[in-house]
């Protein structure tokens, strides 16, 4: 039996926990026994309208598992991943069983810590053919999903407004609004203390907009401002920022099971790490796609009938641009060259609920 040294396990889990998650909720904990890591979902970490049937969290777990896979191979302990090993407990997302080998040259390993969301405007400079090729083939041997990209200006303009529709709905729907603003850290002290949620600086708001955004957290004030078009103005303004991108991409998966969303997260992380290695900035634009999961299941809460139609129309535009039929689209993102982000989300140390091994 392979016994993985404690310090190696720690490094592997620290790399894994650098994964992105909705509003930086980090919905995971771990049990470690000798050569096996058990990865658990924490459902209470993300109770947002985005996280229907925990599928947003499963995407986050997919990214975490990909980080673990890359780090483990780089450190000489490649892991075999089994997703949802217990049919009766969906909170056990995966097991990772390690074997011992020579450390492998993993080009993406050093970029795990460097990966970040960048919400700044990007340059419209088209991506070189070899860059597109690297991104499109970044998933490697992960099966069950595909990466698709478009650099057409007319497509990017449409998809940018689809992506920024999330912000419009966050300012028009109280449930989404309350969740969003409860996860913003307004000061450095709050950010350092919590290490959950996201730093206000990551939104890349200029000083006047930041002051207005502080007003938006008060729902009664926001309702009044929306009467004169505040939410629609933000939607269009953010759409212009997203339109500055060099390309917009998606991850499409074959099915619509929980495991498909884990697969989507694994592929997304490899695309994101590859983009980081290539010097590209990256921003997920997944809100509308996650909302559509609720609508597919006939669950229209907490949306009004008009908001349901906006979500359906937005999802259909993505499907048409990428010429998809039956595939599920869990992930959309924008890419481009840009200045570095002002701030990066902080991470909690990995929560290990049981560690029984000899060193």
Foldseek 3Di string as FASTA:
>chain_A
DAFDDPVLVQVLQQLLLLFDAVLQLSQWAWADEGFKIFIFGRVVSDPALLQVVNLRVLLSNLLSVLSSQLSCLQVFWHWDKDACPDPVDNRRGIMTGTDGGPHDPRVLNVCSNVFFAALFFFAQPADDPVLVVCLQCLLPPQDFKGKDKDQDLVLQLLLLLLLLVLQLVCLVFVRSVQVLVVQEDDDPVSQVVPLGGFYPLRNVDPVVVVVVVVQSSPNVSSVVVVVVPPSVVSSVVSSVRSSNFRMKMFMWGQDDDSVRSSSRSNSVSSSSSSCVVVQKHKHKRQRLLSSVVCVVVVRNPPDDPVVVVSSVVSVVSVCVVRVHDRIRTRIMMTMHHDDDRPDGRGGDRHHHPYYDGDD
